[in-house]
Protein backbone atom coordinates (compact mmCIF):
# COMPACT_ATOMS: atom_id res chain seq x y z
CA MET A 1 -31.90 -12.81 59.23
CA ASN A 2 -28.35 -11.66 58.55
CA ASN A 3 -28.20 -10.13 62.02
CA LEU A 4 -28.58 -13.65 63.54
CA LEU A 5 -25.52 -14.99 61.69
CA PRO A 6 -22.18 -15.23 63.47
CA PRO A 7 -19.60 -12.60 62.40
CA TYR A 8 -17.41 -15.11 60.56
CA LEU A 9 -20.40 -16.27 58.46
CA LYS A 10 -21.19 -12.65 57.63
CA ASN A 11 -17.61 -12.20 56.39
CA ILE A 12 -17.85 -15.35 54.29
CA GLU A 13 -21.14 -14.19 52.78
CA ALA A 14 -19.71 -10.75 52.00
CA THR A 15 -16.58 -12.28 50.45
CA THR A 16 -18.68 -14.66 48.35
CA SER A 17 -20.88 -11.79 47.18
CA ASP A 18 -17.83 -9.70 46.22
CA ARG A 19 -16.32 -12.62 44.33
CA LEU A 20 -19.59 -13.22 42.50
CA VAL A 21 -19.79 -9.55 41.50
CA ASP A 22 -16.14 -9.58 40.39
CA PHE A 23 -16.66 -12.82 38.45
CA THR A 24 -19.79 -11.44 36.77
CA ARG A 25 -17.95 -8.24 35.87
CA ARG A 26 -15.10 -10.19 34.28
CA ILE A 27 -17.53 -12.35 32.31
CA LEU A 28 -19.29 -9.25 31.01
CA ILE A 29 -15.94 -7.70 30.05
CA ILE A 30 -14.90 -10.86 28.17
CA VAL A 31 -18.26 -11.07 26.41
CA GLY A 32 -18.02 -7.39 25.50
CA ILE A 33 -14.51 -7.84 24.10
CA VAL A 34 -15.60 -10.89 22.08
CA VAL A 35 -18.60 -9.00 20.69
CA ILE A 36 -16.49 -5.96 19.79
CA VAL A 37 -13.81 -8.11 18.14
CA GLY A 38 -16.52 -10.02 16.26
CA LEU A 39 -18.10 -6.80 15.02
CA LEU A 40 -14.70 -5.47 13.97
CA LEU A 41 -13.89 -8.67 12.09
CA ALA A 42 -17.30 -8.63 10.41
CA PHE A 43 -16.78 -4.99 9.45
CA LEU A 44 -13.33 -5.75 8.06
CA TYR A 45 -14.68 -8.74 6.13
CA TYR A 46 -17.67 -7.01 4.59
CA GLY A 47 -16.23 -3.51 4.48
CA PHE A 48 -12.56 -4.22 3.85
CA ASP A 49 -12.67 -2.23 0.61
CA VAL A 50 -14.01 0.79 2.48
CA VAL A 51 -11.18 0.46 5.01
CA LEU A 52 -8.63 0.39 2.19
CA LEU A 53 -10.24 3.41 0.56
CA ALA A 54 -10.06 5.29 3.85
CA PHE A 55 -6.42 4.25 4.23
CA SER A 56 -5.73 5.46 0.68
CA GLY A 57 -7.24 8.82 1.60
CA ILE A 58 -4.97 8.99 4.65
CA LEU A 59 -1.93 8.27 2.46
CA LEU A 60 -2.98 11.00 0.04
CA ALA A 61 -3.40 13.47 2.91
CA ILE A 62 0.03 12.60 4.31
CA PHE A 63 1.62 13.04 0.88
CA ILE A 64 -0.07 16.44 0.40
CA ARG A 65 1.02 17.54 3.88
CA SER A 66 4.59 16.40 3.30
CA LEU A 67 4.80 18.77 0.31
CA SER A 68 2.82 21.62 1.86
CA ASP A 69 4.93 21.53 5.04
CA ILE A 70 8.03 22.20 2.94
CA LEU A 71 6.30 25.18 1.34
CA ARG A 72 5.06 26.46 4.71
CA ASP A 73 8.47 26.16 6.37
CA HIS A 74 10.26 28.11 3.61
CA THR A 75 7.65 30.78 2.91
CA PRO A 76 5.52 33.17 4.99
CA LEU A 77 2.38 31.32 3.85
CA SER A 78 -0.06 29.99 6.42
CA ASP A 79 -0.80 26.31 6.79
CA LYS A 80 -4.04 26.32 4.78
CA TRP A 81 -2.57 28.50 2.04
CA SER A 82 0.37 26.11 1.75
CA VAL A 83 -1.99 23.17 1.33
CA SER A 84 -4.08 25.07 -1.23
CA ILE A 85 -1.07 26.05 -3.35
CA THR A 86 0.32 22.52 -3.10
CA LEU A 87 -2.96 21.13 -4.41
CA LEU A 88 -2.98 23.63 -7.27
CA LEU A 89 0.60 22.70 -8.18
CA MET A 90 -0.24 18.98 -8.08
CA ILE A 91 -3.33 19.47 -10.25
CA GLY A 92 -1.30 21.63 -12.64
CA ALA A 93 1.43 18.99 -12.88
CA ILE A 94 -1.16 16.30 -13.61
CA GLY A 95 -2.78 18.54 -16.22
CA LEU A 96 0.51 19.29 -17.97
CA SER A 97 1.44 15.62 -17.93
CA THR A 98 -1.93 14.79 -19.45
CA VAL A 99 -1.49 17.39 -22.21
CA PHE A 100 2.06 16.43 -23.15
CA LEU A 101 2.23 12.71 -22.38
CA VAL A 102 -1.21 11.31 -23.13
CA PRO A 103 -1.07 12.13 -26.88
CA ARG A 104 2.33 10.41 -27.07
CA ILE A 105 1.61 7.34 -25.00
CA GLY A 106 -2.05 6.97 -26.01
CA GLY A 107 -1.15 5.38 -29.33
CA GLN A 108 1.61 3.35 -27.69
CA VAL A 109 -0.86 1.92 -25.18
CA ASP A 110 -3.10 0.77 -28.04
CA VAL A 111 -0.11 -0.82 -29.74
CA LEU A 112 0.92 -2.42 -26.44
CA THR A 113 -2.49 -4.03 -25.91
CA GLN A 114 -2.34 -5.43 -29.44
CA THR A 115 1.30 -6.49 -29.29
CA VAL A 116 1.27 -8.45 -26.03
CA PRO A 117 -1.19 -11.16 -27.20
CA GLN A 118 0.77 -11.57 -30.44
CA SER A 119 3.99 -11.72 -28.43
CA ILE A 120 2.58 -14.57 -26.37
CA GLN A 121 1.81 -16.47 -29.56
CA ASP A 122 5.32 -15.78 -30.90
CA VAL A 123 6.88 -17.12 -27.71
CA ARG A 124 4.76 -20.27 -27.91
CA ASP A 125 5.69 -20.82 -31.55
CA TYR A 126 9.37 -20.28 -30.80
CA LEU A 127 9.34 -22.73 -27.90
CA ASN A 128 7.44 -25.34 -29.90
CA GLN A 129 10.10 -25.20 -32.63
CA TYR A 130 12.62 -26.61 -30.18
CA GLY A 131 10.22 -28.94 -28.40
CA ILE A 132 10.39 -26.89 -25.23
CA GLY A 133 6.78 -25.84 -25.51
CA SER A 134 5.32 -29.29 -26.12
CA PHE A 135 3.36 -28.95 -22.91
CA LEU A 136 1.51 -26.05 -24.53
CA ARG A 137 0.21 -28.17 -27.40
CA GLY A 138 -3.46 -28.85 -27.30
CA GLN A 139 -4.11 -25.41 -25.85
CA GLU A 140 -7.14 -24.28 -27.79
CA LEU A 141 -7.32 -20.75 -26.49
CA GLU A 142 -6.00 -17.98 -28.67
CA PRO A 143 -3.47 -15.62 -27.05
CA SER A 144 -6.03 -12.83 -26.84
CA GLN A 145 -8.49 -15.21 -25.19
CA LEU A 146 -5.81 -16.45 -22.83
CA LEU A 147 -4.90 -12.90 -21.89
CA SER A 148 -8.51 -11.88 -21.43
CA GLY A 149 -9.06 -14.96 -19.29
CA GLN A 150 -6.20 -13.98 -17.01
CA VAL A 151 -7.51 -10.45 -16.79
CA ALA A 152 -10.97 -11.78 -15.96
CA MET A 153 -9.53 -14.00 -13.24
CA VAL A 154 -7.72 -11.07 -11.64
CA SER A 155 -10.72 -8.80 -12.05
CA SER A 156 -12.97 -11.31 -10.33
CA ARG A 157 -10.96 -10.81 -7.16
CA ILE A 158 -11.35 -7.07 -7.17
CA ALA A 159 -13.95 -5.75 -4.78
CA GLY A 160 -17.45 -4.97 -5.95
CA ILE A 161 -16.95 -1.23 -5.80
CA PHE A 162 -14.21 -1.57 -8.40
CA SER A 163 -16.17 -3.82 -10.76
CA THR A 164 -17.61 -1.01 -12.87
CA THR A 165 -16.42 2.26 -14.31
CA ILE A 166 -18.82 4.11 -12.03
CA GLY A 167 -17.37 2.23 -9.07
CA ILE A 168 -13.84 3.23 -10.01
CA ILE A 169 -14.81 6.88 -10.41
CA THR A 170 -16.66 6.77 -7.09
CA SER A 171 -13.68 5.19 -5.34
CA VAL A 172 -11.23 7.75 -6.73
CA THR A 173 -13.59 10.55 -5.70
CA VAL A 174 -13.88 9.16 -2.16
CA VAL A 175 -10.10 8.87 -1.84
CA PHE A 176 -9.55 12.39 -3.22
CA PHE A 177 -12.01 14.15 -0.93
CA THR A 178 -10.99 12.09 2.09
CA GLY A 179 -7.37 13.07 1.52
CA LEU A 180 -8.38 16.68 0.83
CA PHE A 181 -10.35 17.12 4.07
CA LEU A 182 -7.70 15.35 6.14
CA ALA A 183 -4.94 17.50 4.62
CA PHE A 184 -6.76 20.75 5.42
CA GLU A 185 -7.81 19.85 8.98
CA PRO A 186 -5.51 17.10 10.29
CA ARG A 187 -5.48 18.42 13.85
CA MET A 188 -9.26 18.21 14.20
CA TYR A 189 -9.35 14.52 13.26
CA ILE A 190 -6.27 13.64 15.33
CA ASP A 191 -7.58 15.39 18.45
CA GLY A 192 -11.00 13.83 17.95
CA PHE A 193 -9.49 10.35 17.75
CA ILE A 194 -7.30 10.92 20.81
CA LYS A 195 -10.33 12.00 22.87
CA LEU A 196 -11.76 8.51 22.35
CA VAL A 197 -8.85 7.12 24.38
CA PRO A 198 -8.90 7.19 28.22
CA PRO A 199 -7.02 10.24 29.58
CA LYS A 200 -4.07 8.27 30.92
CA GLY A 201 -3.36 6.82 27.47
CA ARG A 202 -3.77 9.96 25.37
CA ALA A 203 -0.14 11.07 25.51
CA ARG A 204 1.01 7.63 24.37
CA THR A 205 -1.62 7.55 21.62
CA ARG A 206 -0.34 10.88 20.32
CA GLN A 207 3.19 9.47 20.25
CA ILE A 208 1.99 6.45 18.27
CA LEU A 209 0.17 8.65 15.75
CA THR A 210 3.27 10.84 15.41
CA ALA A 211 5.42 7.79 14.70
CA LEU A 212 2.89 6.49 12.16
CA ASP A 213 2.77 9.86 10.40
CA TYR A 214 6.58 9.92 10.19
CA THR A 215 6.75 6.33 8.93
CA LEU A 216 4.09 6.70 6.22
CA ARG A 217 5.39 10.12 5.17
CA TRP A 218 8.92 8.92 4.51
CA TRP A 219 7.73 5.63 3.03
CA LEU A 220 5.66 7.58 0.50
CA ILE A 221 8.50 9.99 -0.30
CA ALA A 222 10.86 7.05 -0.80
CA ARG A 223 8.44 5.20 -3.08
CA VAL A 224 7.68 8.26 -5.22
CA LEU A 225 11.38 9.02 -5.66
CA SER A 226 12.05 5.39 -6.56
CA MET A 227 9.18 5.43 -9.06
CA VAL A 228 10.52 8.53 -10.83
CA ILE A 229 14.12 7.29 -10.92
CA ILE A 230 13.16 3.81 -12.13
CA ALA A 231 10.81 5.21 -14.79
CA VAL A 232 13.52 7.47 -16.21
CA LEU A 233 16.22 4.77 -16.13
CA THR A 234 13.89 2.22 -17.71
CA PHE A 235 12.96 4.59 -20.53
CA LEU A 236 16.61 5.41 -21.23
CA GLY A 237 17.67 1.75 -21.12
CA LEU A 238 14.91 0.49 -23.40
CA TRP A 239 15.44 3.44 -25.75
CA LEU A 240 19.15 2.62 -26.02
CA LEU A 241 18.28 -1.03 -26.67
CA ASP A 242 15.90 0.16 -29.41
CA VAL A 243 12.90 -1.55 -27.81
CA PRO A 244 9.55 -0.27 -29.14
CA LEU A 245 7.19 1.63 -26.82
CA ALA A 246 10.06 2.61 -24.52
CA LEU A 247 8.23 5.63 -23.07
CA THR A 248 5.07 3.70 -22.21
CA LEU A 249 7.04 0.79 -20.76
CA GLY A 250 9.13 3.19 -18.68
CA ILE A 251 6.03 4.82 -17.22
CA LEU A 252 4.45 1.41 -16.59
CA THR A 253 7.58 0.21 -14.79
CA GLY A 254 7.66 3.36 -12.68
CA LEU A 255 4.03 2.92 -11.65
CA LEU A 256 4.55 -0.73 -10.76
CA THR A 257 7.55 0.25 -8.62
CA PHE A 258 5.03 1.57 -6.07
CA ILE A 259 4.38 -2.10 -5.27
CA PRO A 260 7.58 -3.53 -3.72
CA ILE A 261 8.91 -6.88 -5.00
CA ILE A 262 5.83 -8.03 -6.94
CA GLY A 263 5.68 -4.81 -8.95
CA ALA A 264 9.23 -5.27 -10.18
CA THR A 265 8.45 -8.84 -11.23
CA LEU A 266 5.34 -7.82 -13.17
CA ALA A 267 7.12 -4.90 -14.83
CA ILE A 268 9.61 -7.12 -16.62
CA ILE A 269 7.02 -9.17 -18.54
CA PRO A 270 5.69 -6.65 -21.15
CA PRO A 271 9.11 -5.37 -22.32
CA MET A 272 10.46 -8.91 -22.65
CA LEU A 273 7.47 -9.99 -24.72
CA ILE A 274 7.74 -6.95 -26.99
CA ALA A 275 11.50 -7.37 -27.35
CA PHE A 276 10.98 -11.03 -28.25
CA THR A 277 8.81 -10.02 -31.22
CA GLN A 278 11.76 -8.02 -32.55
CA GLU A 279 14.46 -10.58 -31.90
CA PRO A 280 14.77 -13.36 -29.28
CA ILE A 281 18.26 -12.24 -28.26
CA LEU A 282 16.87 -8.76 -27.56
CA ALA A 283 14.60 -10.26 -24.91
CA LEU A 284 17.70 -11.57 -23.13
CA TYR A 285 19.26 -8.12 -23.28
CA VAL A 286 16.09 -6.65 -21.78
CA LEU A 287 16.12 -9.29 -19.05
CA GLY A 288 19.74 -8.48 -18.25
CA PHE A 289 18.96 -4.76 -18.18
CA TYR A 290 16.03 -5.24 -15.79
CA LEU A 291 18.09 -7.46 -13.50
CA LEU A 292 20.80 -4.80 -13.46
CA LEU A 293 18.18 -2.13 -12.82
CA GLN A 294 16.70 -4.06 -9.91
CA THR A 295 20.17 -4.58 -8.46
CA VAL A 296 20.85 -0.85 -8.67
CA GLU A 297 17.48 -0.14 -7.06
CA SER A 298 18.01 -2.64 -4.24
CA TYR A 299 21.58 -1.69 -3.34
CA LEU A 300 21.82 1.98 -4.36
CA ILE A 301 18.49 3.75 -4.93
CA THR A 302 16.47 2.14 -2.12
CA PRO A 303 19.12 2.61 0.62
CA LEU A 304 19.52 6.27 -0.39
CA VAL A 305 15.85 7.24 -0.65
CA GLN A 306 14.71 5.07 2.28
CA GLU A 307 17.39 6.20 4.69
CA ARG A 308 14.73 7.74 6.94
CA ALA A 309 11.95 5.31 6.03
CA ILE A 310 11.08 2.02 7.69
CA SER A 311 12.68 -1.19 6.44
CA LEU A 312 10.14 -3.92 5.65
CA PRO A 313 11.13 -7.63 5.78
CA SER A 314 10.92 -9.05 2.25
CA ALA A 315 9.40 -12.43 3.17
CA LEU A 316 6.74 -10.82 5.35
CA MET A 317 6.07 -8.31 2.57
CA ILE A 318 5.38 -11.05 0.01
CA LEU A 319 3.03 -12.88 2.39
CA PHE A 320 1.14 -9.65 3.09
CA GLN A 321 0.85 -8.90 -0.62
CA LEU A 322 -0.51 -12.37 -1.33
CA PHE A 323 -3.02 -12.13 1.52
CA PHE A 324 -4.21 -8.63 0.65
CA GLY A 325 -4.33 -9.56 -3.02
CA ALA A 326 -6.58 -12.54 -2.27
CA VAL A 327 -8.86 -10.42 -0.09
CA ALA A 328 -9.01 -7.11 -1.98
CA GLY A 329 -7.38 -7.66 -5.37
CA ILE A 330 -5.16 -5.05 -6.98
CA LEU A 331 -5.86 -2.38 -4.38
CA GLY A 332 -4.90 -4.78 -1.61
CA ILE A 333 -1.59 -5.62 -3.28
CA ALA A 334 -0.81 -1.92 -3.77
CA LEU A 335 -1.52 -1.04 -0.12
CA ALA A 336 0.01 -4.11 1.53
CA ALA A 337 3.37 -2.40 2.11
CA PRO A 338 2.14 0.72 3.94
CA VAL A 339 -0.31 -1.36 5.98
CA LEU A 340 2.57 -3.63 7.01
CA ALA A 341 4.61 -0.55 7.95
CA VAL A 342 1.77 0.61 10.20
CA ILE A 343 1.47 -2.81 11.84
CA ILE A 344 5.22 -2.98 12.52
CA VAL A 345 5.23 0.42 14.23
CA VAL A 346 2.15 -0.40 16.33
CA VAL A 347 3.58 -3.78 17.38
CA LYS A 348 6.88 -2.15 18.37
CA MET A 349 5.28 0.58 20.46
CA VAL A 350 2.22 -1.15 21.92
CA TYR A 351 3.38 -4.73 22.35
CA VAL A 352 7.18 -4.66 22.62
CA GLN A 353 7.59 -1.36 24.49
CA ASP A 354 4.39 -1.09 26.53
CA ILE A 355 3.44 -4.72 27.24
CA LEU A 356 6.82 -6.47 27.21
CA ASP A 357 8.56 -3.36 28.58
CA ASP A 358 11.45 -3.96 26.20
CA SER A 359 13.55 -1.37 24.41
CA VAL A 360 13.21 -1.06 20.64
CA PRO A 361 13.92 2.04 18.51
CA VAL A 362 11.08 3.74 16.66
CA ARG A 363 11.82 6.44 14.13
CA GLY A 364 10.08 9.79 14.26
CA LEU A 365 10.13 10.17 18.06
CA PRO A 366 12.61 11.67 20.54
CA ALA A 367 15.20 9.22 21.82
CA GLU A 368 13.57 8.93 25.25
CA ALA A 369 10.17 8.16 23.73
CA SER A 370 11.29 5.83 20.95
CA SER A 371 12.82 3.13 23.10
């Protein structure tokens, strides 16, 4: 039948057939993309905690490698021996800290948990004396009940795997062994991931992973240094101000420093409450000290320790912390900053450089590859 058609009709039929095939192919591609994106979103929604645990393991592996690389570069040790000795040193440091610090701060932690509820009551009584706390009248909850209610509200947002002691132990174990295996064999996992990318994009993917490794490595180093410095300065400042539980409060402040912005805000509450129980004016001194400490951290410590790390926009950081906190609770708040750092690097390299073909510097790469 086709042989009886004029040549121009044959061309039209062939063109129509090609267009139909091309249209069908595009529809299938779009449907496939929608399905994949839907599956990814469903996985992130239902398995977001698992994703964060995996990301925590990656951070642990990067931190271990950052220390073991120093040991490997300055000793004749092989790569695996450097990682092994680094792990032993880390475990030894944790063990020594447990032996020497836990007996000292254990009692202080008990006192802290008992003092904070009483401090809340003291603050309410003090404010009510001057009529400032009239809005608190009629509150029937005791301070301990109020505190436990707040803790329960926060805890209700934490993912199911963190809701029990067994869940916490399981999560810590998963993070530890994930970080351990990644630290010992990073090349195997990196090469395996790159092989999932089409050949023409593998070199660029390796560059992106290199930039991400550099960014997270120096972000972690900067945060750990800031945590140590802030913990020591806080302990010394509270000790000089004769605030009770100075050692425990210093360690707590150092730990909360891992969380940018929000951590510093939360860290100021316990010492002010405890200082208030001693003398109201002492709470003002503590507030002034913490404001001075945060100023020193923002304008001196952070610029020095984060010279090679990525700079994160403060407003965007707060929004990310609020979003991750609503989705994954405490773990989400703690990991919001490094996740944001990853997103910024990926957007710079994939969207700005590759899609928009614009020049933007990315740290951790040669000059010709970073812009």
